[in-house]
Amino acid sequence: MTIIRQTIKHAITTSVLAVSLLSFNALATSPAHPSGLNQNMITSQTYGSSNYQAHEDSKMFPAPAEGMEQHILTLPPLDDEDNYMVEIQIGQTKMVDCNKHGLLGELIQESVKGWGYQFYRVNQINDGPSTMMACLDIAKKEAFLQIPGNLKIRYDSRLPEVFYLPQGSEIRYRVWRVESIFNISKLSSNQ
């Protein structure tokens, strides 16, 4: 009887492990927009100091300073927003040669005084490291270069996500949706 229990317990453990390994490879995917696949769900607006407009949902955030741009990402309401995240990349599109190029910049999280709402700031973006290959006659091409790291934030449609970046910068973003369920790891009481 003990051998049968151990065999059943081993089979269950093996099945749980197999399911865990399979679900690990598909933790999150970008969700389809309600009106079709691969359509942008997020609305973005960009303002400089000369064309800044305060909107009702973002009026508590500071206006962009000279030489900076305010990027506002508005997220539509979704069912069960705890199952979604927004991935953010910050950088610039530049002409590059065959070398690998990067940018330098520090993303700082701040809060609006008196409100407690969070926003993000990059004060300066500079050319970063690159490889030093001889590219000879290879033509330059346009490419998006990003500052180090990706930002992943909780999906929350109640407030916009606000960023202050140097002029000429870009934000790239995408929405992720959880596809897998939580698995449990705990000490069995039978051991």
N, C-alpha and C. Protein backbone atom coordinates (compact mmCIF):
# COMPACT_ATOMS: atom_id res chain seq x y z
N MET A 1 0.82 -1.19 0.00
CA MET A 1 0.00 0.00 0.00
C MET A 1 0.87 1.26 0.00
N THR A 2 1.98 1.24 0.76
CA THR A 2 2.89 2.38 0.81
C THR A 2 3.54 2.61 -0.55
N ILE A 3 3.90 1.54 -1.25
CA ILE A 3 4.51 1.67 -2.57
C ILE A 3 3.53 2.29 -3.55
N ILE A 4 2.26 1.93 -3.47
CA ILE A 4 1.24 2.49 -4.35
C ILE A 4 1.08 3.99 -4.07
N ARG A 5 1.05 4.39 -2.80
CA ARG A 5 0.94 5.82 -2.44
C ARG A 5 2.14 6.59 -2.97
N GLN A 6 3.34 6.04 -2.80
CA GLN A 6 4.54 6.72 -3.29
C GLN A 6 4.52 6.85 -4.80
N THR A 7 4.05 5.81 -5.49
CA THR A 7 3.98 5.85 -6.96
C THR A 7 2.97 6.90 -7.41
N ILE A 8 1.82 6.96 -6.74
CA ILE A 8 0.80 7.97 -7.08
C ILE A 8 1.33 9.36 -6.78
N LYS A 9 1.97 9.54 -5.63
CA LYS A 9 2.53 10.84 -5.24
C LYS A 9 3.60 11.28 -6.24
N HIS A 10 4.45 10.34 -6.69
CA HIS A 10 5.48 10.64 -7.68
C HIS A 10 4.85 11.04 -9.01
N ALA A 11 3.80 10.34 -9.42
CA ALA A 11 3.12 10.66 -10.69
C ALA A 11 2.48 12.04 -10.63
N ILE A 12 1.88 12.37 -9.50
CA ILE A 12 1.25 13.69 -9.34
C ILE A 12 2.32 14.77 -9.35
N THR A 13 3.41 14.56 -8.63
CA THR A 13 4.51 15.54 -8.58
C THR A 13 5.08 15.76 -9.96
N THR A 14 5.28 14.68 -10.70
CA THR A 14 5.83 14.77 -12.06
C THR A 14 4.87 15.54 -12.97
N SER A 15 3.57 15.29 -12.85
CA SER A 15 2.58 15.99 -13.67
C SER A 15 2.56 17.48 -13.35
N VAL A 16 2.60 17.82 -12.07
CA VAL A 16 2.61 19.23 -11.66
C VAL A 16 3.87 19.92 -12.17
N LEU A 17 5.02 19.26 -12.07
CA LEU A 17 6.27 19.81 -12.56
C LEU A 17 6.20 20.04 -14.07
N ALA A 18 5.66 19.10 -14.82
CA ALA A 18 5.55 19.23 -16.28
C ALA A 18 4.66 20.41 -16.64
N VAL A 19 3.51 20.55 -15.97
CA VAL A 19 2.61 21.67 -16.23
C VAL A 19 3.29 22.98 -15.87
N SER A 20 4.04 23.01 -14.76
CA SER A 20 4.74 24.23 -14.35
C SER A 20 5.77 24.64 -15.38
N LEU A 21 6.53 23.67 -15.90
CA LEU A 21 7.54 23.98 -16.89
C LEU A 21 6.92 24.48 -18.19
N LEU A 22 5.81 23.89 -18.60
CA LEU A 22 5.15 24.34 -19.81
C LEU A 22 4.56 25.74 -19.64
N SER A 23 3.97 26.03 -18.50
CA SER A 23 3.37 27.34 -18.29
C SER A 23 4.41 28.41 -18.08
N PHE A 24 5.61 28.05 -17.65
CA PHE A 24 6.67 29.04 -17.44
C PHE A 24 7.04 29.73 -18.74
N ASN A 25 7.00 29.00 -19.85
CA ASN A 25 7.40 29.56 -21.13
C ASN A 25 6.38 30.52 -21.72
N ALA A 26 5.18 30.59 -21.19
CA ALA A 26 4.14 31.48 -21.72
C ALA A 26 3.50 32.25 -20.58
N LEU A 27 4.32 32.98 -19.84
CA LEU A 27 3.81 33.69 -18.67
C LEU A 27 2.93 34.88 -19.05
N ALA A 28 3.28 35.59 -20.10
CA ALA A 28 2.50 36.77 -20.45
C ALA A 28 2.57 37.02 -21.94
N THR A 29 1.49 37.56 -22.47
CA THR A 29 1.46 37.94 -23.87
C THR A 29 0.74 39.27 -23.99
N SER A 30 0.97 39.96 -25.08
CA SER A 30 0.27 41.21 -25.30
C SER A 30 -1.19 40.89 -25.65
N PRO A 31 -2.14 41.53 -24.98
CA PRO A 31 -3.54 41.22 -25.23
C PRO A 31 -4.04 41.83 -26.53
N ALA A 32 -5.07 41.24 -27.06
CA ALA A 32 -5.71 41.80 -28.25
C ALA A 32 -6.60 42.96 -27.83
N HIS A 33 -6.60 43.98 -28.63
CA HIS A 33 -7.49 45.11 -28.42
C HIS A 33 -8.91 44.62 -28.69
N PRO A 34 -9.90 45.14 -27.97
CA PRO A 34 -11.27 44.67 -28.19
C PRO A 34 -11.73 44.76 -29.65
N SER A 35 -11.16 45.70 -30.43
CA SER A 35 -11.61 45.82 -31.82
C SER A 35 -10.70 45.09 -32.81
N GLY A 36 -9.73 44.34 -32.32
CA GLY A 36 -8.90 43.56 -33.24
C GLY A 36 -7.50 43.32 -32.69
N LEU A 37 -6.79 42.39 -33.31
CA LEU A 37 -5.45 42.02 -32.86
C LEU A 37 -4.45 43.13 -33.15
N ASN A 38 -3.46 43.25 -32.25
CA ASN A 38 -2.32 44.15 -32.42
C ASN A 38 -2.68 45.61 -32.63
N GLN A 39 -3.80 46.04 -32.11
CA GLN A 39 -4.13 47.46 -32.17
C GLN A 39 -3.74 48.10 -30.85
N ASN A 40 -3.32 49.33 -30.92
CA ASN A 40 -2.86 50.04 -29.74
C ASN A 40 -4.02 50.31 -28.79
N MET A 41 -3.87 49.89 -27.54
CA MET A 41 -4.89 50.12 -26.52
C MET A 41 -4.69 51.45 -25.81
N ILE A 42 -3.45 51.92 -25.78
CA ILE A 42 -3.08 53.08 -24.98
C ILE A 42 -3.09 54.33 -25.85
N THR A 43 -3.59 55.43 -25.31
CA THR A 43 -3.55 56.72 -25.98
C THR A 43 -2.35 57.49 -25.45
N SER A 44 -1.55 58.07 -26.34
CA SER A 44 -0.39 58.84 -25.89
C SER A 44 -0.47 60.27 -26.42
N GLN A 45 -0.01 61.18 -25.59
CA GLN A 45 0.07 62.60 -25.95
C GLN A 45 1.43 63.11 -25.50
N THR A 46 2.02 64.00 -26.31
CA THR A 46 3.32 64.57 -25.97
C THR A 46 3.23 66.08 -26.08
N TYR A 47 3.75 66.76 -25.05
CA TYR A 47 3.73 68.22 -25.00
C TYR A 47 5.11 68.74 -24.64
N GLY A 48 5.51 69.82 -25.32
CA GLY A 48 6.70 70.57 -24.94
C GLY A 48 6.28 71.77 -24.13
N SER A 49 7.25 72.58 -23.71
CA SER A 49 6.92 73.76 -22.91
C SER A 49 6.13 74.78 -23.72
N SER A 50 6.30 74.80 -25.05
CA SER A 50 5.60 75.80 -25.87
C SER A 50 4.17 75.42 -26.23
N ASN A 51 3.84 74.11 -26.24
CA ASN A 51 2.48 73.71 -26.63
C ASN A 51 1.76 72.96 -25.50
N TYR A 52 2.20 73.11 -24.28
CA TYR A 52 1.62 72.39 -23.14
C TYR A 52 0.14 72.74 -22.97
N GLN A 53 -0.66 71.72 -22.72
CA GLN A 53 -2.08 71.89 -22.42
C GLN A 53 -2.42 71.03 -21.21
N ALA A 54 -2.97 71.65 -20.18
CA ALA A 54 -3.40 70.90 -19.00
C ALA A 54 -4.74 70.24 -19.30
N HIS A 55 -4.84 68.95 -19.00
CA HIS A 55 -6.08 68.21 -19.17
C HIS A 55 -6.62 67.83 -17.80
N GLU A 56 -7.90 67.56 -17.71
CA GLU A 56 -8.55 67.26 -16.43
C GLU A 56 -7.86 66.11 -15.70
N ASP A 57 -7.52 65.03 -16.42
CA ASP A 57 -6.95 63.87 -15.74
C ASP A 57 -5.45 63.98 -15.47
N SER A 58 -4.79 65.04 -15.98
CA SER A 58 -3.35 65.18 -15.74
C SER A 58 -2.96 66.58 -15.26
N LYS A 59 -3.93 67.41 -14.87
CA LYS A 59 -3.63 68.79 -14.49
C LYS A 59 -2.79 68.90 -13.21
N MET A 60 -2.77 67.85 -12.39
CA MET A 60 -2.00 67.90 -11.15
C MET A 60 -0.50 67.68 -11.37
N PHE A 61 -0.13 67.20 -12.57
CA PHE A 61 1.29 66.98 -12.88
C PHE A 61 1.91 68.28 -13.37
N PRO A 62 3.20 68.50 -13.08
CA PRO A 62 3.83 69.76 -13.49
C PRO A 62 3.93 69.89 -15.01
N ALA A 63 3.94 71.13 -15.48
CA ALA A 63 4.15 71.40 -16.90
C ALA A 63 5.60 71.06 -17.24
N PRO A 64 5.89 70.70 -18.49
CA PRO A 64 7.27 70.38 -18.85
C PRO A 64 8.15 71.63 -18.84
N ALA A 65 9.37 71.48 -18.35
CA ALA A 65 10.33 72.58 -18.32
C ALA A 65 10.89 72.80 -19.72
N GLU A 66 11.56 73.91 -19.92
CA GLU A 66 12.20 74.22 -21.20
C GLU A 66 13.18 73.10 -21.56
N GLY A 67 13.09 72.61 -22.80
CA GLY A 67 13.97 71.54 -23.25
C GLY A 67 13.49 70.14 -22.90
N MET A 68 12.33 70.05 -22.23
CA MET A 68 11.78 68.76 -21.84
C MET A 68 10.42 68.56 -22.51
N GLU A 69 9.99 67.31 -22.59
CA GLU A 69 8.68 66.97 -23.11
C GLU A 69 7.94 66.13 -22.08
N GLN A 70 6.65 66.37 -21.99
CA GLN A 70 5.78 65.57 -21.11
C GLN A 70 5.07 64.54 -21.99
N HIS A 71 5.25 63.27 -21.66
CA HIS A 71 4.58 62.18 -22.37
C HIS A 71 3.50 61.63 -21.43
N ILE A 72 2.26 61.61 -21.89
CA ILE A 72 1.13 61.14 -21.09
C ILE A 72 0.56 59.90 -21.76
N LEU A 73 0.56 58.78 -21.03
CA LEU A 73 -0.04 57.55 -21.52
C LEU A 73 -1.34 57.31 -20.77
N THR A 74 -2.44 57.25 -21.51
CA THR A 74 -3.76 57.02 -20.92
C THR A 74 -4.17 55.58 -21.20
N LEU A 75 -4.44 54.84 -20.14
CA LEU A 75 -4.78 53.42 -20.24
C LEU A 75 -6.30 53.25 -20.14
N PRO A 76 -6.91 52.55 -21.07
CA PRO A 76 -8.36 52.34 -20.99
C PRO A 76 -8.69 51.34 -19.88
N PRO A 77 -9.87 51.46 -19.28
CA PRO A 77 -10.27 50.49 -18.25
C PRO A 77 -10.38 49.08 -18.83
N LEU A 78 -9.92 48.09 -18.07
CA LEU A 78 -10.01 46.69 -18.46
C LEU A 78 -10.61 45.89 -17.31
N ASP A 79 -11.21 44.77 -17.62
CA ASP A 79 -11.67 43.86 -16.59
C ASP A 79 -10.45 43.23 -15.93
N ASP A 80 -10.42 43.16 -14.61
CA ASP A 80 -9.36 42.50 -13.86
C ASP A 80 -7.98 43.04 -14.22
N GLU A 81 -7.77 44.32 -13.98
CA GLU A 81 -6.51 44.99 -14.33
C GLU A 81 -5.30 44.42 -13.61
N ASP A 82 -5.51 43.68 -12.53
CA ASP A 82 -4.39 43.05 -11.83
C ASP A 82 -3.68 42.02 -12.70
N ASN A 83 -4.32 41.57 -13.77
CA ASN A 83 -3.71 40.59 -14.67
C ASN A 83 -2.96 41.23 -15.83
N TYR A 84 -2.73 42.54 -15.79
CA TYR A 84 -2.06 43.26 -16.87
C TYR A 84 -0.88 44.07 -16.34
N MET A 85 0.08 44.29 -17.20
CA MET A 85 1.23 45.16 -16.91
C MET A 85 1.52 45.97 -18.17
N VAL A 86 2.23 47.09 -17.98
CA VAL A 86 2.67 47.91 -19.10
C VAL A 86 4.20 47.91 -19.08
N GLU A 87 4.80 47.55 -20.20
CA GLU A 87 6.26 47.59 -20.34
C GLU A 87 6.64 48.87 -21.08
N ILE A 88 7.62 49.58 -20.55
CA ILE A 88 8.04 50.87 -21.09
C ILE A 88 9.51 50.80 -21.48
N GLN A 89 9.84 51.30 -22.67
CA GLN A 89 11.22 51.51 -23.09
C GLN A 89 11.38 52.98 -23.43
N ILE A 90 12.47 53.58 -22.97
CA ILE A 90 12.72 55.00 -23.20
C ILE A 90 14.01 55.12 -24.00
N GLY A 91 13.97 55.95 -25.04
CA GLY A 91 15.18 56.12 -25.85
C GLY A 91 14.98 57.14 -26.94
N GLN A 92 15.78 56.99 -28.00
CA GLN A 92 15.74 57.89 -29.14
C GLN A 92 15.99 57.09 -30.42
N THR A 93 15.44 57.57 -31.52
CA THR A 93 15.71 56.97 -32.83
C THR A 93 16.85 57.75 -33.46
N LYS A 94 17.91 57.02 -33.86
CA LYS A 94 19.11 57.65 -34.41
C LYS A 94 19.58 56.87 -35.62
N MET A 95 20.42 57.51 -36.41
CA MET A 95 21.11 56.84 -37.52
C MET A 95 22.34 56.16 -36.93
N VAL A 96 22.47 54.85 -37.18
CA VAL A 96 23.60 54.09 -36.63
C VAL A 96 24.29 53.28 -37.71
N ASP A 97 25.54 52.97 -37.46
CA ASP A 97 26.29 52.13 -38.38
C ASP A 97 26.14 50.67 -37.94
N CYS A 98 27.04 49.80 -38.36
CA CYS A 98 26.90 48.36 -38.07
C CYS A 98 27.24 47.99 -36.63
N ASN A 99 27.75 48.93 -35.85
CA ASN A 99 28.08 48.65 -34.45
C ASN A 99 26.83 48.61 -33.59
N LYS A 100 26.94 47.97 -32.44
CA LYS A 100 25.86 47.99 -31.45
C LYS A 100 26.02 49.26 -30.64
N HIS A 101 24.95 50.04 -30.54
CA HIS A 101 24.98 51.33 -29.86
C HIS A 101 24.02 51.32 -28.68
N GLY A 102 24.28 52.17 -27.72
CA GLY A 102 23.40 52.31 -26.57
C GLY A 102 23.32 53.77 -26.15
N LEU A 103 22.44 54.04 -25.23
CA LEU A 103 22.29 55.38 -24.67
C LEU A 103 22.47 55.31 -23.16
N LEU A 104 22.81 56.43 -22.58
CA LEU A 104 22.92 56.54 -21.13
C LEU A 104 21.85 57.50 -20.63
N GLY A 105 21.19 57.14 -19.56
CA GLY A 105 20.18 57.98 -18.94
C GLY A 105 19.66 57.29 -17.70
N GLU A 106 19.24 58.08 -16.74
CA GLU A 106 18.74 57.52 -15.49
C GLU A 106 17.26 57.85 -15.32
N LEU A 107 16.46 56.82 -15.16
CA LEU A 107 15.03 56.98 -14.95
C LEU A 107 14.78 57.18 -13.46
N ILE A 108 14.14 58.28 -13.12
CA ILE A 108 13.88 58.63 -11.72
C ILE A 108 12.37 58.66 -11.50
N GLN A 109 11.92 58.02 -10.43
CA GLN A 109 10.49 58.06 -10.09
C GLN A 109 10.29 59.15 -9.05
N GLU A 110 9.31 60.02 -9.29
CA GLU A 110 9.00 61.12 -8.37
C GLU A 110 7.52 61.11 -8.07
N SER A 111 7.10 61.95 -7.14
CA SER A 111 5.67 62.06 -6.86
C SER A 111 5.26 63.52 -6.84
N VAL A 112 3.99 63.76 -7.19
CA VAL A 112 3.44 65.11 -7.21
C VAL A 112 3.20 65.54 -5.77
N LYS A 113 3.82 66.62 -5.37
CA LYS A 113 3.69 67.10 -3.99
C LYS A 113 2.23 67.43 -3.68
N GLY A 114 1.76 66.93 -2.54
CA GLY A 114 0.40 67.16 -2.12
C GLY A 114 -0.61 66.17 -2.67
N TRP A 115 -0.23 65.44 -3.72
CA TRP A 115 -1.14 64.48 -4.34
C TRP A 115 -0.68 63.05 -4.13
N GLY A 116 0.63 62.84 -4.15
CA GLY A 116 1.17 61.50 -4.00
C GLY A 116 1.19 60.68 -5.28
N TYR A 117 0.73 61.26 -6.39
CA TYR A 117 0.74 60.54 -7.67
C TYR A 117 2.16 60.42 -8.19
N GLN A 118 2.48 59.27 -8.77
CA GLN A 118 3.82 59.00 -9.27
C GLN A 118 3.97 59.43 -10.73
N PHE A 119 5.18 59.91 -11.05
CA PHE A 119 5.55 60.15 -12.45
C PHE A 119 7.02 59.84 -12.59
N TYR A 120 7.50 59.83 -13.82
CA TYR A 120 8.88 59.42 -14.11
C TYR A 120 9.59 60.53 -14.87
N ARG A 121 10.91 60.63 -14.62
CA ARG A 121 11.70 61.68 -15.25
C ARG A 121 13.06 61.12 -15.67
N VAL A 122 13.51 61.51 -16.86
CA VAL A 122 14.88 61.30 -17.31
C VAL A 122 15.40 62.69 -17.64
N ASN A 123 16.36 63.18 -16.86
CA ASN A 123 16.84 64.55 -17.04
C ASN A 123 17.74 64.71 -18.25
N GLN A 124 18.48 63.66 -18.59
CA GLN A 124 19.46 63.78 -19.66
C GLN A 124 19.67 62.42 -20.32
N ILE A 125 19.77 62.42 -21.63
CA ILE A 125 20.08 61.21 -22.38
C ILE A 125 21.32 61.50 -23.22
N ASN A 126 22.34 60.67 -23.07
CA ASN A 126 23.60 60.84 -23.80
C ASN A 126 23.93 59.58 -24.58
N ASP A 127 24.80 59.75 -25.59
CA ASP A 127 25.29 58.57 -26.30
C ASP A 127 26.01 57.68 -25.31
N GLY A 128 25.79 56.40 -25.44
CA GLY A 128 26.40 55.44 -24.53
C GLY A 128 27.48 54.63 -25.24
N PRO A 129 27.79 53.49 -24.67
CA PRO A 129 28.84 52.66 -25.24
C PRO A 129 28.42 52.06 -26.58
N SER A 130 29.42 51.73 -27.38
CA SER A 130 29.16 51.03 -28.63
C SER A 130 30.35 50.14 -28.94
N THR A 131 30.11 49.16 -29.78
CA THR A 131 31.22 48.34 -30.24
C THR A 131 32.04 49.17 -31.23
N MET A 132 33.22 48.71 -31.57
CA MET A 132 34.12 49.51 -32.40
C MET A 132 34.53 48.76 -33.68
N MET A 133 33.57 48.13 -34.33
CA MET A 133 33.88 47.41 -35.57
C MET A 133 34.05 48.40 -36.72
N ALA A 134 34.88 48.04 -37.67
CA ALA A 134 35.04 48.85 -38.88
C ALA A 134 33.88 48.53 -39.82
N CYS A 135 33.03 49.51 -40.07
CA CYS A 135 31.83 49.26 -40.88
C CYS A 135 32.06 49.51 -42.36
N LEU A 136 33.16 50.12 -42.73
CA LEU A 136 33.57 50.38 -44.11
C LEU A 136 32.43 50.95 -44.94
N ASP A 137 31.95 50.23 -45.92
CA ASP A 137 30.96 50.78 -46.86
C ASP A 137 29.52 50.43 -46.51
N ILE A 138 29.27 49.98 -45.30
CA ILE A 138 27.91 49.63 -44.90
C ILE A 138 27.16 50.91 -44.56
N ALA A 139 26.01 51.10 -45.17
CA ALA A 139 25.23 52.33 -44.98
C ALA A 139 24.64 52.38 -43.57
N LYS A 140 24.49 53.59 -43.07
CA LYS A 140 23.84 53.76 -41.77
C LYS A 140 22.35 53.50 -41.92
N LYS A 141 21.74 53.09 -40.82
CA LYS A 141 20.30 52.84 -40.82
C LYS A 141 19.68 53.45 -39.57
N GLU A 142 18.39 53.67 -39.63
CA GLU A 142 17.67 54.23 -38.49
C GLU A 142 17.34 53.12 -37.50
N ALA A 143 17.59 53.38 -36.20
CA ALA A 143 17.30 52.37 -35.18
C ALA A 143 16.91 53.06 -33.88
N PHE A 144 16.05 52.38 -33.12
CA PHE A 144 15.67 52.86 -31.80
C PHE A 144 16.73 52.39 -30.80
N LEU A 145 17.30 53.33 -30.07
CA LEU A 145 18.26 53.03 -29.01
C LEU A 145 17.60 53.39 -27.70
N GLN A 146 17.79 52.56 -26.69
CA GLN A 146 17.13 52.83 -25.42
C GLN A 146 18.14 52.99 -24.29
N ILE A 147 17.70 53.70 -23.26
CA ILE A 147 18.52 53.79 -22.06
C ILE A 147 18.46 52.42 -21.38
N PRO A 148 19.40 52.11 -20.51
CA PRO A 148 19.41 50.78 -19.89
C PRO A 148 18.12 50.47 -19.12
N GLY A 149 17.66 49.24 -19.28
CA GLY A 149 16.54 48.73 -18.50
C GLY A 149 15.19 48.97 -19.12
N ASN A 150 14.27 48.09 -18.81
CA ASN A 150 12.86 48.23 -19.16
C ASN A 150 12.10 48.49 -17.88
N LEU A 151 11.11 49.31 -17.96
CA LEU A 151 10.25 49.59 -16.82
C LEU A 151 8.96 48.80 -17.01
N LYS A 152 8.58 48.05 -16.01
CA LYS A 152 7.30 47.34 -16.04
C LYS A 152 6.46 47.87 -14.87
N ILE A 153 5.30 48.39 -15.21
CA ILE A 153 4.43 48.98 -14.19
C ILE A 153 3.08 48.29 -14.19
N ARG A 154 2.46 48.32 -13.04
CA ARG A 154 1.13 47.74 -12.87
C ARG A 154 0.13 48.50 -13.73
N TYR A 155 -0.76 47.79 -14.38
CA TYR A 155 -1.79 48.42 -15.21
C TYR A 155 -2.82 49.04 -14.28
N ASP A 156 -3.02 50.35 -14.42
CA ASP A 156 -3.98 51.07 -13.58
C ASP A 156 -4.59 52.18 -14.41
N SER A 157 -5.83 52.01 -14.82
CA SER A 157 -6.49 52.98 -15.70
C SER A 157 -7.02 54.21 -14.97
N ARG A 158 -6.91 54.25 -13.65
CA ARG A 158 -7.47 55.38 -12.90
C ARG A 158 -6.71 56.68 -13.14
N LEU A 159 -5.41 56.60 -13.39
CA LEU A 159 -4.58 57.79 -13.64
C LEU A 159 -3.69 57.54 -14.84
N PRO A 160 -3.33 58.59 -15.57
CA PRO A 160 -2.39 58.40 -16.68
C PRO A 160 -0.98 58.15 -16.14
N GLU A 161 -0.14 57.54 -16.97
CA GLU A 161 1.27 57.38 -16.66
C GLU A 161 1.99 58.56 -17.31
N VAL A 162 2.74 59.32 -16.53
CA VAL A 162 3.33 60.57 -17.01
C VAL A 162 4.85 60.47 -16.94
N PHE A 163 5.50 60.91 -18.03
CA PHE A 163 6.96 60.87 -18.15
C PHE A 163 7.45 62.23 -18.62
N TYR A 164 8.60 62.66 -18.09
CA TYR A 164 9.27 63.87 -18.54
C TYR A 164 10.62 63.46 -19.11
N LEU A 165 10.82 63.76 -20.41
CA LEU A 165 12.02 63.33 -21.11
C LEU A 165 12.62 64.50 -21.88
N PRO A 166 13.93 64.43 -22.16
CA PRO A 166 14.53 65.47 -23.00
C PRO A 166 13.88 65.49 -24.38
N GLN A 167 13.82 66.67 -25.01
CA GLN A 167 13.22 66.79 -26.33
C GLN A 167 13.88 65.81 -27.28
N GLY A 168 13.09 65.23 -28.16
CA GLY A 168 13.59 64.28 -29.13
C GLY A 168 13.63 62.85 -28.64
N SER A 169 13.13 62.62 -27.44
CA SER A 169 13.10 61.26 -26.88
C SER A 169 11.78 60.59 -27.23
N GLU A 170 11.75 59.27 -27.08
CA GLU A 170 10.55 58.49 -27.37
C GLU A 170 10.26 57.54 -26.23
N ILE A 171 9.01 57.18 -26.13
CA ILE A 171 8.59 56.10 -25.25
C ILE A 171 7.98 55.02 -26.13
N ARG A 172 8.43 53.82 -25.93
CA ARG A 172 7.81 52.66 -26.57
C ARG A 172 7.14 51.87 -25.47
N TYR A 173 5.97 51.36 -25.74
CA TYR A 173 5.21 50.68 -24.69
C TYR A 173 4.40 49.54 -25.29
N ARG A 174 4.13 48.58 -24.43
CA ARG A 174 3.22 47.49 -24.79
C ARG A 174 2.58 46.95 -23.53
N VAL A 175 1.41 46.34 -23.72
CA VAL A 175 0.63 45.81 -22.61
C VAL A 175 0.83 44.30 -22.57
N TRP A 176 1.02 43.78 -21.36
CA TRP A 176 1.17 42.34 -21.14
C TRP A 176 -0.01 41.84 -20.33
N ARG A 177 -0.46 40.63 -20.67
CA ARG A 177 -1.56 40.00 -19.95
C ARG A 177 -1.09 38.64 -19.44
N VAL A 178 -1.42 38.33 -18.21
CA VAL A 178 -1.06 37.05 -17.63
C VAL A 178 -1.82 35.94 -18.34
N GLU A 179 -1.12 34.88 -18.69
CA GLU A 179 -1.74 33.73 -19.33
C GLU A 179 -1.74 32.50 -18.43
N SER A 180 -0.89 32.48 -17.43
CA SER A 180 -0.77 31.28 -16.60
C SER A 180 -1.39 31.52 -15.23
N ILE A 181 -1.64 30.43 -14.52
CA ILE A 181 -2.19 30.51 -13.17
C ILE A 181 -1.03 30.42 -12.17
N PHE A 182 -1.29 30.82 -10.94
CA PHE A 182 -0.29 30.67 -9.89
C PHE A 182 -0.12 29.19 -9.55
N ASN A 183 1.12 28.75 -9.46
CA ASN A 183 1.43 27.42 -8.99
C ASN A 183 1.87 27.53 -7.54
N ILE A 184 1.80 26.44 -6.81
CA ILE A 184 2.06 26.47 -5.37
C ILE A 184 3.30 25.65 -5.06
N SER A 185 4.13 26.21 -4.23
CA SER A 185 5.31 25.51 -3.72
C SER A 185 5.21 25.56 -2.20
N LYS A 186 5.06 24.40 -1.58
CA LYS A 186 4.99 24.35 -0.11
C LYS A 186 5.41 22.98 0.35
N LEU A 187 5.79 22.89 1.58
CA LEU A 187 6.18 21.63 2.18
C LEU A 187 4.95 20.79 2.44
N SER A 188 4.97 19.58 1.97
CA SER A 188 3.84 18.68 2.15
C SER A 188 3.79 18.21 3.61
N SER A 189 2.61 18.11 4.16
CA SER A 189 2.46 17.65 5.54
C SER A 189 2.72 16.16 5.70
N ASN A 190 2.78 15.41 4.59
CA ASN A 190 3.03 13.97 4.62
C ASN A 190 4.51 13.63 4.71
N GLN A 191 5.37 14.63 4.60
CA GLN A 191 6.82 14.33 4.61
C GLN A 191 7.38 14.40 5.99
